[in-house]
Amino acid sequence: MQQSMHSAMDAMLFIILATIIFIIALKLLVSNSSTKSKRSMKLPPGPRTLPIIGKFLLLRKSLFEIEPLLRELSDKYGPILSLRLTSTPSIFISDRTLAHEALVLNGAAFADRPTALAPSRLVSSNQHNISSASYGPLWRLLRRNLVTEILHPSRVKLFSSTRRRVLRALFHNLASEAAAAGSVVVTESFQHALFSLAVFMCFGEAVDEKTIREMESVQRRILISFSHFAIFGFLPRISKLLFRNRWNELVAIRRRQEELFIPWIRARRERNQASSVQAYVDSLLDLQLPEEEKENRASRNLTEDEIVSLCSEFLSGGSDTTSTTLEWIMANLVKHQGIQRKVLDEMRQVVGSEAEEVKEEDLQRMPYLKAVVLEGLRRHPPGHFVLPHCVTEEVKLNGYIIPKGASINFMLAEMARDEKVWDKPMEFKPERFMEGGEGEGVDITGSREIKMMPFGAGRRICPGFGLAMLHLEYFVANLVREFEWKAVEGDEVDVDSEKSEFTVVMKNPLRARILARREACMGNGVVDE
């Protein structure tokens, strides 16, 4: 009863907001019709849409949901197209050569971010994090700090024992579930393992399991439910009034996040500096931000609210995309037993059949394992679009005008499945990255050329791509070393159906049988068959 009342109220508010938008749209159409010029004709081609109503309707869908429409439009209008959703168009690029020209050859011009919508401003402290900050001194400082203080190889190596401990906990969780249920649904275990590892790198190893679970819960609430708050991206003053309860829900989630994070931030501030390995939050505590001329502020330290936003970004970026890709890869190893055997054979040649662990230094001698990971990222990129870019000044691309402030979206999944580059692109074939394959020596940073860009490319490329590759190779190798992965009888592994959460995940999560490969695993509750 109460739920139906809420639905009716939402419907009524929707009608009110739509009416307001319709009135504003009519006024804009009248005022804009007399100002159209030759310049607008130089925009990338695309269908005509009403400036505001179009955006209002599409705001209720994610880019993933309209991806089939964008494919159709690309077939009709070409590899660069514009949707006139507002007075400033949204540009979509599906061609790898154009992406390279924009992101690499003209990287500075395309390195900015659009102004964040109201929900994003709330959870990013008004764009004071790396992924959403404008291209400028603040972004450079935050990114340089992350790369040098936590993602530098020497720093990453300091967390080797932490990775080993998280891996053992993952083994135990999987084995316990297999012993109890006869099979494992891996999603939650993978997510928790990678999230725990990110928490230890962010706040130090003292964080207890209960707190990790609570942090994980609030992070997922923010990520998965974000589309629920998309309505506030349009006419925020009006939508906040009309959907006040929904806005208060988002504020409450953010407040809970601060309640969980701030005590650990303060604990790191008060700790003995020589007592443990430096965590990410340590590097943020003494960071001096550049002067903010627009707000007439001198240089200053980060506020606790801004540190919460940066830690939240680190936890999501360092765990969710990696755990999603890990599940896709393991699903393909279950479906393609021959590929799994090749990974195992290579591993045994490198470390031997009785090795307790595939160590990080062993990974460099396992090219087929790397090929499997690369194929996982190509065939199942965790995001089908990079975060939107924008230009600070009008620029030209492929003979078209990209107006100042336009949102530019790169369709990376389309590039990774381009039949002109990849042979049978929808098939999972790691051999394409071995000697003689079309992906041999592929540069995933896109510096030379773009064949695939799972981490983006150019100046805004994900700074954690090296850490992600390490974690994927390390966990895939050791999961195959520890267990034989098989399909559950009568339950086909579905590697074709997708759905969008924060990342593009398996619509039907992986459920598998795992069998211990060594006698030592028997104690973990996994019985070899």
Protein backbone atom coordinates (compact mmCIF):
# COMPACT_ATOMS: atom_id res chain seq x y z
CA MET A 1 0.00 0.00 0.00
CA GLN A 2 2.72 2.43 1.04
CA GLN A 3 4.84 1.48 -1.95
CA SER A 4 1.95 2.15 -4.35
CA MET A 5 1.39 5.56 -2.74
CA HIS A 6 5.08 6.40 -3.28
CA SER A 7 4.80 5.27 -6.93
CA ALA A 8 1.72 7.41 -7.46
CA MET A 9 3.45 10.39 -5.87
CA ASP A 10 6.51 9.91 -8.07
CA ALA A 11 4.28 9.73 -11.14
CA MET A 12 2.50 12.94 -10.18
CA LEU A 13 5.78 14.74 -9.54
CA PHE A 14 7.12 13.45 -12.84
CA ILE A 15 4.12 14.95 -14.67
CA ILE A 16 4.62 18.30 -12.92
CA LEU A 17 8.31 18.39 -13.78
CA ALA A 18 7.65 17.32 -17.36
CA THR A 19 5.12 20.14 -17.73
CA ILE A 20 7.61 22.70 -16.44
CA ILE A 21 10.24 21.36 -18.82
CA PHE A 22 7.84 21.46 -21.75
CA ILE A 23 7.10 25.14 -21.12
CA ILE A 24 10.80 25.98 -20.85
CA ALA A 25 11.52 23.94 -23.98
CA LEU A 26 8.97 25.89 -26.00
CA LYS A 27 10.53 29.18 -24.92
CA LEU A 28 14.00 27.94 -25.84
CA LEU A 29 12.85 26.66 -29.19
CA VAL A 30 11.40 30.05 -30.03
CA SER A 31 14.52 31.93 -28.91
CA ASN A 32 16.97 29.50 -30.51
CA SER A 33 15.21 29.27 -33.88
CA SER A 34 16.32 32.78 -34.80
CA THR A 35 19.96 32.26 -33.78
CA LYS A 36 20.82 29.17 -35.80
CA SER A 37 23.83 29.83 -37.96
CA LYS A 38 26.22 28.13 -40.31
CA ARG A 39 28.29 27.16 -37.29
CA SER A 40 25.62 24.74 -36.06
CA MET A 41 25.70 23.00 -39.41
CA LYS A 42 29.35 22.11 -38.81
CA LEU A 43 28.53 19.99 -35.77
CA PRO A 44 28.88 16.22 -36.16
CA PRO A 45 25.72 14.82 -37.74
CA GLY A 46 22.92 13.35 -35.69
CA PRO A 47 19.16 13.25 -35.25
CA ARG A 48 17.20 16.36 -34.32
CA THR A 49 15.83 16.28 -30.77
CA LEU A 50 14.12 18.79 -28.53
CA PRO A 51 16.86 20.35 -26.40
CA ILE A 52 15.38 19.82 -22.94
CA ILE A 53 12.68 17.19 -23.29
CA GLY A 54 15.16 14.88 -25.01
CA LYS A 55 17.60 15.10 -22.17
CA PHE A 56 14.87 14.69 -19.57
CA LEU A 57 13.76 11.43 -21.16
CA LEU A 58 17.27 10.06 -21.68
CA LEU A 59 18.35 11.03 -18.16
CA ARG A 60 16.19 8.18 -16.93
CA LYS A 61 18.44 5.73 -18.79
CA SER A 62 22.15 4.98 -18.51
CA LEU A 63 24.52 5.14 -21.47
CA PHE A 64 24.62 1.34 -21.36
CA GLU A 65 20.85 1.23 -21.86
CA ILE A 66 20.96 3.50 -24.91
CA GLU A 67 24.07 1.82 -26.35
CA PRO A 68 22.03 -0.16 -28.96
CA LEU A 69 20.49 3.12 -30.11
CA LEU A 70 23.94 4.72 -30.35
CA ARG A 71 25.15 1.80 -32.48
CA GLU A 72 22.26 2.32 -34.87
CA LEU A 73 22.95 6.03 -35.03
CA SER A 74 26.65 5.39 -35.69
CA ASP A 75 25.74 3.11 -38.58
CA LYS A 76 23.54 5.87 -40.00
CA TYR A 77 25.56 9.02 -39.27
CA GLY A 78 29.13 7.77 -39.04
CA PRO A 79 31.79 7.26 -36.32
CA ILE A 80 31.27 10.70 -34.78
CA LEU A 81 27.77 11.95 -34.07
CA SER A 82 25.99 14.48 -31.91
CA LEU A 83 22.80 14.27 -29.90
CA ARG A 84 21.29 17.69 -29.35
CA LEU A 85 19.97 17.00 -25.88
CA THR A 86 20.50 20.54 -24.63
CA SER A 87 21.78 23.78 -26.11
CA THR A 88 25.23 22.15 -25.86
CA PRO A 89 25.38 18.86 -27.80
CA SER A 90 26.67 15.52 -26.58
CA ILE A 91 29.26 14.04 -28.94
CA PHE A 92 29.74 10.26 -29.30
CA ILE A 93 32.84 8.76 -30.92
CA SER A 94 33.03 5.08 -31.86
CA ASP A 95 36.12 5.12 -34.09
CA ARG A 96 39.52 4.24 -32.60
CA THR A 97 41.45 6.55 -34.97
CA LEU A 98 39.33 9.55 -34.03
CA ALA A 99 39.67 8.62 -30.36
CA HIS A 100 43.46 8.58 -30.74
CA GLU A 101 43.43 11.93 -32.53
CA ALA A 102 41.34 13.49 -29.77
CA LEU A 103 42.73 11.90 -26.62
CA VAL A 104 46.40 11.51 -27.55
CA LEU A 105 47.35 13.81 -30.42
CA ASN A 106 45.18 16.64 -29.05
CA GLY A 107 45.17 15.47 -25.46
CA ALA A 108 45.24 18.85 -23.72
CA ALA A 109 42.25 20.16 -25.66
CA PHE A 110 40.10 17.13 -24.77
CA ALA A 111 41.27 16.61 -21.17
CA ASP A 112 38.62 18.57 -19.29
CA ARG A 113 35.49 17.29 -17.57
CA PRO A 114 31.94 18.60 -17.90
CA THR A 115 30.44 20.42 -14.94
CA ALA A 116 29.23 17.73 -12.55
CA LEU A 117 25.53 17.24 -11.91
CA ALA A 118 24.13 17.74 -8.42
CA PRO A 119 24.48 14.11 -7.16
CA SER A 120 28.07 13.89 -8.44
CA ARG A 121 28.97 17.22 -6.83
CA LEU A 122 27.70 15.92 -3.50
CA VAL A 123 29.78 12.73 -3.51
CA SER A 124 32.89 14.33 -5.06
CA SER A 125 33.04 17.41 -2.79
CA ASN A 126 32.25 19.66 -5.72
CA GLN A 127 34.63 17.90 -8.14
CA HIS A 128 37.56 17.67 -5.74
CA ASN A 129 38.61 14.20 -6.84
CA ILE A 130 40.77 12.92 -9.68
CA SER A 131 38.09 11.53 -11.96
CA SER A 132 35.85 14.63 -11.97
CA ALA A 133 38.23 17.56 -11.34
CA SER A 134 38.67 20.08 -14.12
CA TYR A 135 41.88 19.81 -16.12
CA GLY A 136 44.22 22.12 -14.23
CA PRO A 137 46.43 22.52 -11.15
CA LEU A 138 44.10 20.71 -8.73
CA TRP A 139 43.77 17.68 -10.99
CA ARG A 140 47.52 17.55 -11.64
CA LEU A 141 48.31 17.68 -7.92
CA LEU A 142 45.80 14.98 -6.94
CA ARG A 143 46.80 12.66 -9.77
CA ARG A 144 50.54 13.13 -9.21
CA ASN A 145 50.08 12.39 -5.51
CA LEU A 146 48.21 9.14 -6.26
CA VAL A 147 50.71 7.97 -8.87
CA THR A 148 53.86 8.70 -6.86
CA GLU A 149 52.69 7.97 -3.31
CA ILE A 150 50.62 4.80 -3.70
CA LEU A 151 50.72 3.50 -7.30
CA HIS A 152 54.46 3.70 -7.87
CA PRO A 153 55.81 0.14 -8.32
CA SER A 154 58.01 0.45 -5.22
CA ARG A 155 54.95 1.41 -3.15
CA VAL A 156 52.77 -1.30 -4.67
CA LYS A 157 55.39 -3.91 -3.81
CA LEU A 158 55.12 -3.00 -0.12
CA PHE A 159 51.59 -4.43 -0.12
CA SER A 160 52.67 -7.88 -1.37
CA SER A 161 52.00 -9.53 1.99
CA THR A 162 48.59 -7.83 2.11
CA ARG A 163 47.67 -9.27 -1.30
CA ARG A 164 48.78 -12.70 -0.13
CA ARG A 165 46.63 -12.45 3.00
CA VAL A 166 43.57 -11.30 1.02
CA LEU A 167 44.12 -14.14 -1.46
CA ARG A 168 44.16 -16.72 1.37
CA ALA A 169 40.95 -15.28 2.79
CA LEU A 170 39.36 -15.54 -0.66
CA PHE A 171 40.41 -19.19 -0.93
CA HIS A 172 38.85 -19.88 2.46
CA ASN A 173 35.56 -18.16 1.56
CA LEU A 174 35.28 -20.01 -1.75
CA ALA A 175 36.16 -23.36 -0.20
CA SER A 176 33.66 -22.90 2.63
CA GLU A 177 30.87 -22.04 0.20
CA ALA A 178 31.76 -25.00 -2.03
CA ALA A 179 31.73 -27.38 0.94
CA ALA A 180 28.33 -26.09 2.08
CA ALA A 181 26.56 -25.72 -1.27
CA GLY A 182 28.50 -27.88 -3.71
CA SER A 183 29.21 -24.88 -5.92
CA VAL A 184 30.18 -21.23 -5.60
CA VAL A 185 28.60 -18.01 -6.85
CA VAL A 186 31.75 -15.93 -7.02
CA THR A 187 30.47 -12.35 -7.32
CA GLU A 188 30.30 -11.40 -3.65
CA SER A 189 33.56 -13.19 -2.73
CA PHE A 190 35.48 -11.50 -5.55
CA GLN A 191 34.03 -8.10 -4.72
CA HIS A 192 34.82 -8.42 -1.02
CA ALA A 193 38.39 -9.62 -1.63
CA LEU A 194 39.27 -6.75 -3.97
CA PHE A 195 37.44 -4.21 -1.80
CA SER A 196 39.29 -5.40 1.32
CA LEU A 197 42.59 -5.03 -0.49
CA ALA A 198 41.67 -1.49 -1.55
CA VAL A 199 40.67 -0.62 2.05
CA PHE A 200 44.04 -1.81 3.40
CA MET A 201 45.89 0.23 0.77
CA CYS A 202 43.73 3.25 1.55
CA PHE A 203 43.49 3.23 5.36
CA GLY A 204 46.13 0.71 6.48
CA GLU A 205 45.80 -2.86 7.66
CA ALA A 206 44.22 -2.06 11.03
CA VAL A 207 40.69 -1.80 9.61
CA ASP A 208 38.56 -4.61 11.05
CA GLU A 209 36.31 -6.92 9.05
CA LYS A 210 33.05 -5.44 10.38
CA THR A 211 34.07 -1.94 9.30
CA ILE A 212 35.18 -3.21 5.89
CA ARG A 213 31.76 -4.78 5.38
CA GLU A 214 30.03 -1.54 6.38
CA MET A 215 32.25 0.51 4.07
CA GLU A 216 31.59 -1.90 1.25
CA SER A 217 27.84 -1.68 1.79
CA VAL A 218 27.71 2.12 1.69
CA GLN A 219 30.00 2.26 -1.36
CA ARG A 220 27.76 -0.13 -3.26
CA ARG A 221 24.66 1.83 -2.27
CA ILE A 222 26.20 4.92 -3.83
CA LEU A 223 27.36 3.18 -6.98
CA ILE A 224 24.42 0.94 -7.78
CA SER A 225 21.67 3.36 -6.84
CA PHE A 226 23.21 6.37 -8.60
CA SER A 227 20.84 6.10 -11.56
CA HIS A 228 18.00 6.43 -9.03
CA PHE A 229 19.26 9.97 -8.39
CA ALA A 230 19.79 10.94 -12.04
CA ILE A 231 16.68 13.11 -11.96
CA PHE A 232 18.64 15.67 -9.92
CA GLY A 233 20.97 16.20 -12.85
CA PHE A 234 18.32 18.31 -14.50
CA LEU A 235 16.84 21.52 -13.11
CA PRO A 236 18.29 20.61 -9.68
CA ARG A 237 16.55 23.38 -7.75
CA ILE A 238 13.15 22.25 -8.95
CA SER A 239 13.82 18.50 -8.79
CA LYS A 240 15.19 18.75 -5.23
CA LEU A 241 11.89 20.31 -4.16
CA LEU A 242 9.72 17.86 -6.04
CA PHE A 243 11.73 14.77 -5.06
CA ARG A 244 12.81 15.94 -1.62
CA ASN A 245 12.70 12.48 0.01
CA ARG A 246 14.88 11.00 -2.69
CA TRP A 247 17.45 13.80 -2.32
CA ASN A 248 17.46 13.32 1.46
CA GLU A 249 18.16 9.63 0.85
CA LEU A 250 21.32 10.48 -1.10
CA VAL A 251 22.40 12.98 1.58
CA ALA A 252 21.90 10.31 4.25
CA ILE A 253 24.06 7.81 2.34
CA ARG A 254 26.81 10.39 2.02
CA ARG A 255 26.57 11.22 5.73
CA ARG A 256 26.90 7.52 6.61
CA GLN A 257 29.97 7.30 4.38
CA GLU A 258 31.57 10.19 6.29
CA GLU A 259 30.72 8.54 9.64
CA LEU A 260 32.58 5.42 8.54
CA PHE A 261 35.59 7.03 6.87
CA ILE A 262 36.43 10.02 9.08
CA PRO A 263 37.40 8.06 12.24
CA TRP A 264 39.96 6.11 10.20
CA ILE A 265 41.24 9.31 8.57
CA ARG A 266 41.75 10.82 12.01
CA ALA A 267 43.35 7.63 13.31
CA ARG A 268 45.96 7.78 10.53
CA ARG A 269 46.61 11.44 11.31
CA GLU A 270 47.40 10.56 14.94
CA ARG A 271 49.43 7.42 14.32
CA ASN A 272 53.19 7.04 14.71
CA GLN A 273 54.52 7.82 11.22
CA ALA A 274 57.15 5.09 11.44
CA SER A 275 54.76 2.37 12.57
CA SER A 276 53.51 0.92 9.29
CA VAL A 277 53.50 1.06 5.50
CA GLN A 278 52.19 4.36 4.20
CA ALA A 279 48.57 4.19 3.13
CA TYR A 280 46.84 6.40 0.55
CA VAL A 281 45.12 8.53 3.17
CA ASP A 282 48.52 9.39 4.72
CA SER A 283 49.54 11.08 1.47
CA LEU A 284 46.38 13.19 1.52
CA LEU A 285 46.66 14.55 5.05
CA ASP A 286 49.51 16.99 4.41
CA LEU A 287 48.72 17.73 0.77
CA GLN A 288 48.66 21.44 -0.02
CA LEU A 289 46.07 22.37 -2.63
CA PRO A 290 46.91 25.14 -5.10
CA GLU A 291 45.37 28.59 -4.77
CA GLU A 292 41.77 28.74 -5.93
CA GLU A 293 41.49 32.08 -7.68
CA LYS A 294 37.79 31.75 -8.47
CA GLU A 295 36.97 31.38 -4.78
CA ASN A 296 39.68 33.81 -3.69
CA ARG A 297 41.34 31.17 -1.52
CA ALA A 298 45.00 30.75 -0.68
CA SER A 299 46.63 27.32 -0.73
CA ARG A 300 45.25 25.03 1.95
CA ASN A 301 44.99 21.44 3.17
CA LEU A 302 42.24 19.12 2.07
CA THR A 303 39.12 19.16 4.23
CA GLU A 304 37.94 15.90 5.79
CA ASP A 305 34.98 15.93 3.40
CA GLU A 306 37.36 16.12 0.41
CA ILE A 307 39.53 13.31 1.81
CA VAL A 308 36.39 11.17 2.14
CA SER A 309 35.63 11.80 -1.54
CA LEU A 310 39.16 10.88 -2.62
CA CYS A 311 39.14 7.72 -0.50
CA SER A 312 35.74 6.77 -1.90
CA GLU A 313 37.09 7.22 -5.42
CA PHE A 314 40.11 5.06 -4.60
CA LEU A 315 38.00 2.26 -3.12
CA SER A 316 35.59 2.12 -6.06
CA GLY A 317 38.23 2.53 -8.75
CA GLY A 318 40.54 0.02 -7.11
CA SER A 319 38.02 -2.74 -6.54
CA ASP A 320 34.77 -2.74 -8.51
CA THR A 321 36.16 -2.68 -12.04
CA THR A 322 38.80 -5.29 -11.15
CA SER A 323 36.38 -7.70 -9.46
CA THR A 324 33.99 -7.39 -12.41
CA THR A 325 36.73 -8.22 -14.91
CA LEU A 326 37.97 -11.07 -12.72
CA GLU A 327 34.52 -12.67 -12.78
CA TRP A 328 34.25 -12.34 -16.57
CA ILE A 329 37.69 -13.94 -17.01
CA MET A 330 36.99 -16.84 -14.65
CA ALA A 331 33.63 -17.41 -16.38
CA ASN A 332 35.45 -17.78 -19.69
CA LEU A 333 37.96 -20.19 -18.13
CA VAL A 334 35.05 -22.30 -16.89
CA LYS A 335 33.39 -22.22 -20.31
CA HIS A 336 36.64 -22.85 -22.21
CA GLN A 337 38.41 -25.62 -20.36
CA GLY A 338 41.20 -25.74 -22.94
CA ILE A 339 42.18 -22.15 -22.12
CA GLN A 340 42.17 -22.96 -18.40
CA ARG A 341 44.49 -25.93 -19.03
CA LYS A 342 46.90 -23.73 -21.00
CA VAL A 343 47.06 -21.26 -18.09
CA LEU A 344 47.74 -24.14 -15.70
CA ASP A 345 50.41 -25.70 -17.95
CA GLU A 346 52.24 -22.37 -18.33
CA MET A 347 52.08 -21.81 -14.59
CA ARG A 348 53.52 -25.23 -13.78
CA GLN A 349 56.36 -24.66 -16.23
CA VAL A 350 57.20 -21.40 -14.48
CA VAL A 351 56.68 -22.21 -10.77
CA GLY A 352 56.33 -25.99 -10.65
CA SER A 353 53.30 -28.10 -9.72
CA GLU A 354 53.85 -27.96 -5.95
CA ALA A 355 54.32 -24.21 -5.55
CA GLU A 356 52.39 -22.70 -2.66
CA GLU A 357 51.76 -19.50 -4.61
CA VAL A 358 52.32 -17.83 -7.94
CA LYS A 359 54.36 -14.87 -6.75
CA GLU A 360 54.20 -11.44 -8.31
CA GLU A 361 57.67 -11.74 -9.80
CA ASP A 362 56.58 -14.98 -11.55
CA LEU A 363 53.86 -13.19 -13.51
CA GLN A 364 56.36 -11.54 -15.86
CA ARG A 365 57.28 -15.00 -17.20
CA MET A 366 53.69 -15.96 -18.05
CA PRO A 367 52.77 -14.40 -21.42
CA TYR A 368 49.71 -16.61 -21.97
CA LEU A 369 48.27 -15.57 -18.61
CA LYS A 370 48.73 -11.92 -19.64
CA ALA A 371 47.02 -12.70 -22.96
CA VAL A 372 44.03 -14.14 -21.07
CA VAL A 373 43.74 -10.99 -18.96
CA LEU A 374 44.03 -8.73 -22.01
CA GLU A 375 41.37 -10.73 -23.83
CA GLY A 376 39.12 -10.42 -20.79
CA LEU A 377 39.54 -6.64 -20.83
CA ARG A 378 38.97 -6.49 -24.59
CA ARG A 379 35.93 -8.74 -24.78
CA HIS A 380 34.37 -7.64 -21.47
CA PRO A 381 35.52 -4.10 -20.63
CA PRO A 382 34.08 -3.22 -17.20
CA GLY A 383 32.82 0.07 -18.64
CA HIS A 384 31.52 0.47 -22.19
CA PHE A 385 32.19 4.23 -22.11
CA VAL A 386 34.96 6.27 -20.54
CA LEU A 387 33.90 9.10 -18.26
CA PRO A 388 32.75 12.07 -20.38
CA HIS A 389 35.37 14.53 -21.58
CA CYS A 390 34.78 18.10 -22.65
CA VAL A 391 36.73 20.87 -24.37
CA THR A 392 37.47 24.25 -22.84
CA GLU A 393 37.58 25.95 -26.22
CA GLU A 394 35.98 25.24 -29.58
CA VAL A 395 38.05 22.71 -31.54
CA LYS A 396 37.82 20.81 -34.81
CA LEU A 397 37.79 17.03 -35.14
CA ASN A 398 37.37 15.13 -38.39
CA GLY A 399 36.22 18.34 -40.07
CA TYR A 400 33.50 19.03 -37.51
CA ILE A 401 33.22 21.67 -34.82
CA ILE A 402 33.30 20.47 -31.20
CA PRO A 403 31.82 23.43 -29.31
CA LYS A 404 33.16 24.65 -26.00
CA GLY A 405 31.62 22.76 -23.09
CA ALA A 406 30.31 19.88 -25.21
CA SER A 407 30.28 16.48 -23.55
CA ILE A 408 32.41 14.00 -25.51
CA ASN A 409 31.78 10.29 -24.98
CA PHE A 410 34.07 7.53 -26.28
CA MET A 411 32.46 4.16 -27.00
CA LEU A 412 35.35 1.95 -25.96
CA ALA A 413 33.42 -1.34 -26.15
CA GLU A 414 32.72 -0.69 -29.84
CA MET A 415 36.41 -0.06 -30.50
CA ALA A 416 37.40 -3.29 -28.75
CA ARG A 417 34.95 -5.25 -30.92
CA ASP A 418 35.77 -3.62 -34.26
CA GLU A 419 35.80 -6.32 -36.96
CA LYS A 420 38.31 -4.26 -38.95
CA VAL A 421 40.86 -4.83 -36.19
CA TRP A 422 39.83 -8.02 -34.41
CA ASP A 423 39.15 -11.40 -36.01
CA LYS A 424 35.79 -12.73 -34.78
CA PRO A 425 35.73 -10.11 -32.03
CA MET A 426 32.90 -11.66 -30.01
CA GLU A 427 34.90 -14.84 -29.44
CA PHE A 428 37.20 -15.23 -26.43
CA LYS A 429 40.62 -15.97 -27.98
CA PRO A 430 43.69 -15.12 -25.86
CA GLU A 431 45.91 -16.35 -28.70
CA ARG A 432 45.19 -13.10 -30.55
CA PHE A 433 47.61 -11.42 -28.09
CA MET A 434 50.39 -13.96 -28.65
CA GLU A 435 53.04 -13.90 -31.35
CA GLY A 436 51.50 -13.48 -34.79
CA GLY A 437 48.07 -12.46 -33.44
CA GLU A 438 46.35 -9.21 -34.33
CA GLY A 439 46.79 -8.04 -30.74
CA GLU A 440 50.49 -8.89 -30.41
CA GLY A 441 52.27 -6.12 -28.57
CA VAL A 442 49.07 -4.13 -28.12
CA ASP A 443 49.52 -0.88 -26.22
CA ILE A 444 46.63 -0.66 -23.75
CA THR A 445 47.57 2.94 -22.96
CA GLY A 446 46.80 3.91 -26.55
CA SER A 447 49.94 6.03 -26.86
CA ARG A 448 50.96 4.67 -30.28
CA GLU A 449 47.51 3.72 -31.54
CA ILE A 450 44.22 2.64 -30.03
CA LYS A 451 43.03 -0.90 -30.65
CA MET A 452 41.39 -1.20 -27.24
CA MET A 453 41.22 1.26 -24.35
CA PRO A 454 39.75 -0.46 -21.26
CA PHE A 455 41.40 2.16 -19.02
CA GLY A 456 40.79 5.13 -21.29
CA ALA A 457 43.65 6.88 -23.06
CA GLY A 458 45.56 10.13 -23.09
CA ARG A 459 45.94 12.48 -20.16
CA ARG A 460 42.85 11.22 -18.30
CA ILE A 461 43.75 7.53 -18.61
CA CYS A 462 43.00 5.63 -15.40
CA PRO A 463 46.17 6.06 -13.30
CA GLY A 464 45.64 2.66 -11.69
CA PHE A 465 45.85 0.55 -14.85
CA GLY A 466 49.19 -0.98 -13.79
CA LEU A 467 47.80 -2.00 -10.40
CA ALA A 468 44.69 -3.43 -12.06
CA MET A 469 46.79 -5.57 -14.42
CA LEU A 470 48.87 -6.83 -11.49
CA HIS A 471 45.80 -7.76 -9.44
CA LEU A 472 44.06 -9.46 -12.35
CA GLU A 473 47.10 -11.54 -13.29
CA TYR A 474 47.88 -12.39 -9.65
CA PHE A 475 44.35 -13.47 -8.74
CA VAL A 476 43.63 -15.35 -11.99
CA ALA A 477 46.93 -17.26 -11.73
CA ASN A 478 46.43 -18.28 -8.13
CA LEU A 479 42.74 -19.12 -8.48
CA VAL A 480 43.65 -21.53 -11.30
CA ARG A 481 46.62 -22.89 -9.32
CA GLU A 482 44.49 -23.56 -6.23
CA PHE A 483 41.30 -24.89 -7.84
CA GLU A 484 40.09 -26.62 -10.95
CA TRP A 485 37.10 -24.61 -12.19
CA LYS A 486 34.19 -26.51 -13.77
CA ALA A 487 30.66 -25.73 -14.86
CA VAL A 488 27.76 -26.87 -12.73
CA GLU A 489 25.95 -29.68 -14.53
CA GLY A 490 22.86 -28.35 -16.28
CA ASP A 491 23.85 -24.71 -15.66
CA GLU A 492 25.45 -23.21 -18.75
CA VAL A 493 27.91 -20.38 -18.20
CA ASP A 494 26.49 -17.28 -19.89
CA VAL A 495 29.29 -15.01 -21.11
CA ASP A 496 27.12 -13.07 -23.56
CA SER A 497 24.40 -11.49 -21.38
CA GLU A 498 25.29 -8.21 -19.66
CA LYS A 499 23.67 -5.71 -17.35
CA SER A 500 24.78 -2.34 -16.04
CA GLU A 501 25.44 -1.61 -12.39
CA PHE A 502 28.38 0.67 -11.65
CA THR A 503 30.23 -1.52 -14.15
CA VAL A 504 28.94 -3.84 -16.89
CA VAL A 505 28.54 -7.14 -15.05
CA MET A 506 27.36 -10.64 -15.89
CA LYS A 507 23.57 -10.68 -16.12
CA ASN A 508 23.71 -14.26 -14.86
CA PRO A 509 26.54 -14.35 -12.27
CA LEU A 510 29.13 -17.09 -12.48
CA ARG A 511 28.28 -20.26 -10.53
CA ALA A 512 30.92 -22.97 -10.70
CA ARG A 513 32.24 -26.12 -9.07
CA ILE A 514 35.74 -25.79 -7.69
CA LEU A 515 37.95 -28.81 -7.04
CA ALA A 516 41.16 -28.72 -5.04
CA ARG A 517 44.26 -29.32 -7.15
CA ARG A 518 46.53 -30.20 -4.20
CA GLU A 519 46.14 -32.25 -1.04
CA ALA A 520 46.86 -29.14 1.01
CA CYS A 521 43.51 -27.74 -0.11
CA MET A 522 41.62 -30.60 1.53
CA GLY A 523 41.82 -28.82 4.84
CA ASN A 524 39.96 -25.89 3.35
CA GLY A 525 36.85 -28.00 2.96
CA VAL A 526 37.13 -28.65 -0.78
CA VAL A 527 36.91 -32.30 -1.74
CA ASP A 528 38.64 -33.41 -4.94
CA GLU A 529 36.45 -35.58 -7.16
